[in-house]
Amino acid sequence: MVISSPSILSPLLLNTKSYFGSLSPPSLPIVDIYSRPTNRLSSALVVLCYRSSIPSMVVQSGNGLTSEEKRILLERYGYDADEFLSEASPKKKKEQPKTRRGQPGSPEDPKPPRTTHKLLQVIGGKARRKKLLSPKGMDVRPMMEVVKGAAFDILQAAGGCPASLRPGRWLDLYSGTGSVGIEALSRGCSEAHFVEIDPWVVSDVLRPNLEWTEFLDASVIHTLRVENFIERAEQFVGNHGPFDYISVTPPYTQVDYGVLMRQISESVLIGEDTFIVVEYPSRTVMLDSCGCLVKITDRRFGRTFLAIYGPTWAQKKKR
């Protein structure tokens, strides 16, 4: 039998009912709350429950009680406000910094470190069969060995010495790995100039290749754009005169071949006995001449094309 006591008016204007006489407490003692429309505190619903024999209070806000109002309500009934408010408050997700895609700080921005592998080698001459470093991926696209081999065979034959190149100075434009210029040094050139804009390629690929093949002392590295090198050609040529050989192996989609070849033909880089090796893609029209030089050969290797310009006297000697 349960005996209900008279209603007791609480300090918070809560009308409570106590139950006495039962051998065991009811499963859920009830505290009735009669709210007044003008009082925000009266909107709280207080529920007493049993958890491990210790009463725990959960304050559920219907009209948005503030934290201070909840604290007052808990303390007046003898509970630790800090404990219950911390349990009742939902954990907020840690906000991630908002960044636009592609801007610094975005998770997609960091690129993996650039690495190298040894897939290239020197084909002929003093450094024959020595492996060369090249970047993994498509950052640098070296000349294929079959194309490089054919180009040097034609140059050697056109120069009148099938076994090696005529001694001279080689200019390797868009050098990248330095594969073409190193091949020239291996086959008899006395000096090679390498023009490459990417500092990482210069420090981690080109220079190590020159050191490995022992051609660093015979080399000059220019870390700048090819267009700027051509504009300042007189400064780099100096008293040595035009280059004997020039290789042009640019990234296909980043140059206008018509403009590039015109700039070379009008510069002091070439002379009457200069040979120019140009690698180019399909659907590109290469003129029959470049300044005072004539086209000696124009070959196709799959999707890669090779044009070689040289002096008129070399046409009869070409292979």
Protein backbone atom coordinates (compact mmCIF):
# COMPACT_ATOMS: atom_id res chain seq x y z
CA MET A 1 0.00 0.00 0.00
CA VAL A 2 1.29 3.41 -0.94
CA ILE A 3 0.38 6.46 1.11
CA SER A 4 0.54 9.80 -0.70
CA SER A 5 1.63 12.78 1.29
CA PRO A 6 0.27 16.27 0.88
CA SER A 7 1.77 18.36 -1.84
CA ILE A 8 4.87 20.36 -0.86
CA LEU A 9 5.69 23.66 -2.54
CA SER A 10 9.36 23.69 -3.46
CA PRO A 11 11.63 26.80 -3.53
CA LEU A 12 11.38 26.72 -7.33
CA LEU A 13 7.58 26.72 -7.23
CA LEU A 14 7.59 22.98 -8.04
CA ASN A 15 4.64 21.00 -6.68
CA THR A 16 6.06 17.66 -5.54
CA LYS A 17 4.45 14.50 -4.19
CA SER A 18 6.24 12.12 -1.82
CA TYR A 19 5.40 8.44 -1.36
CA PHE A 20 5.70 6.67 1.98
CA GLY A 21 4.78 3.29 3.35
CA SER A 22 5.89 1.07 0.50
CA LEU A 23 8.50 -1.56 1.21
CA SER A 24 10.40 -0.58 -1.86
CA PRO A 25 10.60 2.68 -3.71
CA PRO A 26 8.56 2.96 -6.86
CA SER A 27 10.44 2.21 -10.05
CA LEU A 28 10.38 5.87 -11.05
CA PRO A 29 9.65 8.47 -8.34
CA ILE A 30 7.76 11.27 -9.93
CA VAL A 31 8.25 14.97 -9.50
CA ASP A 32 5.41 16.92 -11.05
CA ILE A 33 6.19 20.35 -12.44
CA TYR A 34 3.46 22.92 -12.90
CA SER A 35 4.80 25.59 -15.20
CA ARG A 36 4.00 29.24 -15.33
CA PRO A 37 4.07 30.76 -18.85
CA THR A 38 6.20 33.73 -17.74
CA ASN A 39 8.93 31.79 -15.95
CA ARG A 40 11.62 30.04 -18.06
CA LEU A 41 12.74 27.93 -15.07
CA SER A 42 9.29 26.40 -14.80
CA SER A 43 9.71 24.77 -18.21
CA ALA A 44 12.32 22.30 -16.89
CA LEU A 45 11.33 18.67 -16.52
CA VAL A 46 13.22 17.04 -13.65
CA VAL A 47 13.36 13.27 -13.65
CA LEU A 48 14.79 11.29 -10.72
CA CYS A 49 16.05 7.84 -11.57
CA TYR A 50 18.24 5.18 -9.96
CA ARG A 51 21.65 4.25 -11.41
CA SER A 52 23.86 1.96 -9.31
CA SER A 53 21.82 2.99 -6.19
CA ILE A 54 22.92 6.61 -6.67
CA PRO A 55 20.26 9.09 -7.85
CA SER A 56 21.17 10.86 -11.05
CA MET A 57 19.43 13.95 -12.36
CA VAL A 58 18.92 14.70 -16.02
CA VAL A 59 17.66 18.15 -16.86
CA GLN A 60 15.82 18.26 -20.15
CA SER A 61 15.15 21.74 -21.46
CA GLY A 62 11.96 22.34 -23.32
CA ASN A 63 12.19 26.07 -23.90
CA GLY A 64 15.97 26.50 -23.87
CA LEU A 65 17.18 26.97 -20.29
CA THR A 66 20.54 28.66 -20.04
CA SER A 67 23.50 26.87 -18.43
CA GLU A 68 23.31 29.16 -15.40
CA GLU A 69 19.61 28.40 -14.87
CA LYS A 70 20.30 24.67 -15.04
CA ARG A 71 23.14 25.07 -12.54
CA ILE A 72 20.83 26.89 -10.04
CA LEU A 73 18.19 24.20 -10.42
CA LEU A 74 20.67 21.38 -9.72
CA GLU A 75 22.38 23.09 -6.76
CA ARG A 76 19.08 23.81 -4.99
CA TYR A 77 18.40 20.06 -4.93
CA GLY A 78 21.89 19.27 -3.62
CA TYR A 79 23.52 17.88 -6.76
CA ASP A 80 26.95 18.58 -8.24
CA ALA A 81 26.11 20.86 -11.16
CA ASP A 82 29.49 20.44 -12.87
CA GLU A 83 29.14 16.65 -12.97
CA PHE A 84 25.63 16.49 -14.37
CA LEU A 85 26.00 19.34 -16.85
CA SER A 86 29.13 17.78 -18.30
CA GLU A 87 27.33 14.47 -18.74
CA ALA A 88 24.24 16.08 -20.28
CA SER A 89 26.04 18.39 -22.71
CA PRO A 90 26.56 16.85 -26.19
CA LYS A 91 30.12 16.61 -27.46
CA LYS A 92 30.76 18.99 -30.29
CA LYS A 93 32.62 17.76 -33.30
CA LYS A 94 35.94 19.41 -33.79
CA GLU A 95 35.54 21.82 -36.64
CA GLN A 96 37.96 21.40 -39.49
CA PRO A 97 39.50 24.56 -40.93
CA LYS A 98 37.59 25.60 -43.99
CA THR A 99 39.83 25.82 -47.03
CA ARG A 100 39.08 26.06 -50.66
CA ARG A 101 40.13 23.25 -52.86
CA GLY A 102 43.60 23.84 -54.21
CA GLN A 103 44.57 26.45 -51.59
CA PRO A 104 47.38 25.96 -49.05
CA GLY A 105 46.16 24.01 -46.02
CA SER A 106 43.80 21.77 -47.99
CA PRO A 107 44.35 18.00 -47.44
CA GLU A 108 44.62 17.58 -51.20
CA ASP A 109 47.45 20.09 -51.56
CA PRO A 110 50.48 18.19 -50.25
CA LYS A 111 52.13 16.37 -53.12
CA PRO A 112 54.17 13.24 -52.63
CA PRO A 113 57.94 13.79 -52.73
CA ARG A 114 59.47 13.56 -56.17
CA THR A 115 61.60 10.49 -56.71
CA THR A 116 63.85 9.09 -59.43
CA HIS A 117 64.61 5.80 -61.08
CA LYS A 118 67.23 4.51 -63.50
CA LEU A 119 65.54 3.64 -66.78
CA LEU A 120 67.85 5.56 -69.13
CA GLN A 121 71.39 4.82 -70.20
CA VAL A 122 74.14 6.22 -72.38
CA ILE A 123 74.02 4.41 -75.72
CA GLY A 124 77.51 4.96 -77.14
CA GLY A 125 80.94 6.46 -76.54
CA LYS A 126 83.08 6.68 -73.41
CA ALA A 127 80.18 6.45 -70.96
CA ARG A 128 78.35 3.69 -72.84
CA ARG A 129 75.87 1.63 -70.80
CA LYS A 130 76.05 3.90 -67.77
CA LYS A 131 72.63 4.25 -66.17
CA LEU A 132 71.09 7.72 -65.82
CA LEU A 133 68.58 9.05 -63.30
CA SER A 134 65.19 10.27 -64.48
CA PRO A 135 62.13 11.50 -62.52
CA LYS A 136 59.27 9.12 -61.91
CA GLY A 137 56.01 10.27 -63.43
CA MET A 138 55.47 12.67 -66.33
CA ASP A 139 57.21 15.78 -64.96
CA VAL A 140 60.09 15.26 -67.38
CA ARG A 141 59.78 13.28 -70.61
CA PRO A 142 63.24 12.21 -71.82
CA MET A 143 63.92 11.43 -75.46
CA MET A 144 63.31 7.76 -76.20
CA GLU A 145 66.49 5.75 -76.68
CA VAL A 146 65.49 4.62 -80.17
CA VAL A 147 65.01 8.27 -81.20
CA LYS A 148 68.24 9.36 -79.52
CA GLY A 149 70.19 6.55 -81.17
CA ALA A 150 68.84 7.41 -84.61
CA ALA A 151 69.59 11.13 -84.16
CA PHE A 152 73.24 10.55 -83.29
CA ASP A 153 73.70 8.04 -86.10
CA ILE A 154 72.44 10.67 -88.58
CA LEU A 155 74.61 13.42 -87.08
CA GLN A 156 77.74 11.29 -87.16
CA ALA A 157 77.14 10.25 -90.75
CA ALA A 158 76.29 13.81 -91.85
CA GLY A 159 79.43 15.10 -90.14
CA GLY A 160 81.61 12.71 -92.10
CA CYS A 161 82.63 10.55 -89.14
CA PRO A 162 80.23 7.62 -88.60
CA ALA A 163 82.13 6.37 -85.52
CA SER A 164 81.82 9.58 -83.47
CA LEU A 165 80.72 13.21 -83.54
CA ARG A 166 82.81 16.03 -84.89
CA PRO A 167 84.40 17.81 -81.92
CA GLY A 168 82.45 20.87 -80.89
CA ARG A 169 80.10 22.49 -78.36
CA TRP A 170 76.62 21.15 -77.69
CA LEU A 171 73.62 23.18 -76.47
CA ASP A 172 70.92 21.06 -74.83
CA LEU A 173 67.70 23.13 -74.61
CA TYR A 174 64.98 21.80 -72.25
CA SER A 175 67.66 19.39 -71.05
CA GLY A 176 65.77 17.73 -68.19
CA THR A 177 67.81 14.63 -67.30
CA GLY A 178 70.66 15.77 -69.55
CA SER A 179 70.44 12.53 -71.47
CA VAL A 180 71.02 14.12 -74.91
CA GLY A 181 73.88 16.40 -73.87
CA ILE A 182 75.58 13.57 -71.96
CA GLU A 183 75.32 11.35 -75.01
CA ALA A 184 77.00 14.11 -77.02
CA LEU A 185 79.86 14.39 -74.53
CA SER A 186 80.25 10.62 -74.49
CA ARG A 187 80.52 10.58 -78.29
CA GLY A 188 83.17 13.25 -78.67
CA CYS A 189 81.85 16.76 -77.93
CA SER A 190 84.27 18.88 -75.95
CA GLU A 191 81.68 20.92 -74.02
CA ALA A 192 77.93 20.90 -73.33
CA HIS A 193 75.57 23.58 -72.04
CA PHE A 194 72.36 22.44 -70.34
CA VAL A 195 69.33 24.75 -70.04
CA GLU A 196 66.72 23.57 -67.51
CA ILE A 197 64.27 25.70 -65.48
CA ASP A 198 63.33 23.17 -62.75
CA PRO A 199 65.72 23.53 -59.77
CA TRP A 200 64.82 20.10 -58.39
CA VAL A 201 65.62 18.42 -61.71
CA VAL A 202 68.93 20.29 -61.85
CA SER A 203 70.00 19.37 -58.30
CA ASP A 204 68.58 15.84 -58.01
CA VAL A 205 68.77 14.53 -61.58
CA LEU A 206 70.93 16.50 -64.01
CA ARG A 207 73.92 17.25 -61.78
CA PRO A 208 74.11 13.69 -60.34
CA ASN A 209 74.02 12.31 -63.89
CA LEU A 210 76.92 14.55 -64.90
CA GLU A 211 78.89 13.53 -61.83
CA TRP A 212 78.20 9.82 -62.40
CA THR A 213 79.35 9.99 -66.03
CA GLU A 214 82.32 12.20 -65.06
CA PHE A 215 81.28 15.00 -67.45
CA LEU A 216 80.59 17.70 -64.86
CA ASP A 217 83.85 19.54 -65.60
CA ALA A 218 82.96 19.74 -69.29
CA SER A 219 79.45 21.03 -68.60
CA VAL A 220 77.75 24.37 -67.95
CA ILE A 221 74.28 24.37 -66.36
CA HIS A 222 71.88 27.29 -66.93
CA THR A 223 68.87 27.23 -64.57
CA LEU A 224 66.47 29.52 -66.43
CA ARG A 225 63.78 29.52 -69.09
CA VAL A 226 64.80 28.67 -72.62
CA GLU A 227 63.15 31.85 -73.92
CA ASN A 228 65.28 33.94 -71.57
CA PHE A 229 68.41 32.06 -72.57
CA ILE A 230 67.74 32.78 -76.25
CA GLU A 231 67.10 36.46 -75.52
CA ARG A 232 70.46 36.68 -73.75
CA ALA A 233 72.24 34.48 -76.28
CA GLU A 234 75.04 36.97 -76.95
CA GLN A 235 75.98 36.90 -73.26
CA PHE A 236 76.25 33.12 -73.18
CA VAL A 237 77.96 32.67 -76.55
CA GLY A 238 80.70 35.18 -75.74
CA ASN A 239 83.88 34.82 -77.78
CA HIS A 240 83.27 31.16 -78.56
CA GLY A 241 80.91 31.85 -81.45
CA PRO A 242 77.83 29.78 -82.39
CA PHE A 243 77.23 26.31 -81.03
CA ASP A 244 78.11 23.34 -83.23
CA TYR A 245 75.08 21.33 -82.11
CA ILE A 246 71.71 22.27 -80.61
CA SER A 247 69.09 19.83 -79.33
CA VAL A 248 65.50 21.03 -78.89
CA THR A 249 63.30 18.64 -76.86
CA PRO A 250 60.57 20.77 -75.24
CA PRO A 251 57.36 19.62 -73.52
CA TYR A 252 55.05 19.26 -76.51
CA THR A 253 52.03 21.14 -75.18
CA GLN A 254 53.88 24.09 -73.66
CA VAL A 255 55.62 25.60 -76.68
CA ASP A 256 54.77 27.07 -80.05
CA TYR A 257 57.22 25.38 -82.40
CA GLY A 258 56.86 28.07 -85.06
CA VAL A 259 57.77 30.84 -82.62
CA LEU A 260 60.52 28.80 -80.96
CA MET A 261 62.28 27.84 -84.20
CA ARG A 262 62.06 31.40 -85.50
CA GLN A 263 63.69 32.70 -82.30
CA ILE A 264 66.50 30.16 -82.65
CA SER A 265 67.03 30.92 -86.34
CA GLU A 266 67.36 34.66 -85.65
CA SER A 267 69.73 34.26 -82.69
CA VAL A 268 73.53 34.14 -82.56
CA LEU A 269 73.30 30.57 -81.26
CA ILE A 270 73.52 29.08 -84.75
CA GLY A 271 76.10 29.43 -87.47
CA GLU A 272 76.63 28.10 -90.98
CA ASP A 273 77.94 24.74 -89.71
CA THR A 274 75.49 24.20 -86.86
CA PHE A 275 73.32 21.07 -86.57
CA ILE A 276 69.92 21.29 -84.87
CA VAL A 277 68.03 18.24 -83.57
CA VAL A 278 64.30 18.84 -82.95
CA GLU A 279 61.87 16.38 -81.38
CA TYR A 280 58.22 17.27 -82.05
CA PRO A 281 54.72 15.72 -81.94
CA SER A 282 52.36 14.86 -84.77
CA ARG A 283 50.26 17.59 -86.41
CA THR A 284 53.18 19.99 -86.11
CA VAL A 285 54.51 21.53 -89.31
CA MET A 286 58.28 21.93 -89.41
CA LEU A 287 59.69 24.26 -92.08
CA ASP A 288 62.26 23.07 -94.59
CA SER A 289 64.84 25.49 -93.25
CA CYS A 290 65.92 27.20 -90.04
CA GLY A 291 67.79 30.38 -90.85
CA CYS A 292 70.76 29.46 -92.99
CA LEU A 293 70.31 25.75 -92.24
CA VAL A 294 68.34 23.22 -94.29
CA LYS A 295 66.34 20.21 -93.22
CA ILE A 296 68.51 17.11 -93.56
CA THR A 297 66.01 14.53 -92.40
CA ASP A 298 62.51 14.22 -90.94
CA ARG A 299 61.55 10.86 -89.44
CA ARG A 300 58.69 9.35 -87.49
CA PHE A 301 58.98 7.03 -84.48
CA GLY A 302 55.44 6.10 -83.47
CA ARG A 303 53.90 9.34 -82.16
CA THR A 304 57.29 11.07 -82.00
CA PHE A 305 58.88 12.90 -84.91
CA LEU A 306 62.51 13.89 -85.39
CA ALA A 307 63.76 16.72 -87.63
CA ILE A 308 67.43 17.52 -88.12
CA TYR A 309 68.69 20.75 -89.68
CA GLY A 310 72.25 21.32 -90.81
CA PRO A 311 74.54 22.99 -93.36
CA THR A 312 73.94 22.38 -97.06
CA TRP A 313 77.18 20.42 -97.43
CA ALA A 314 75.87 17.81 -94.94
CA GLN A 315 72.84 16.86 -97.07
CA LYS A 316 74.92 14.65 -99.37
CA LYS A 317 76.43 12.79 -96.43
CA LYS A 318 73.25 12.00 -94.56
CA ARG A 319 72.24 8.42 -94.15
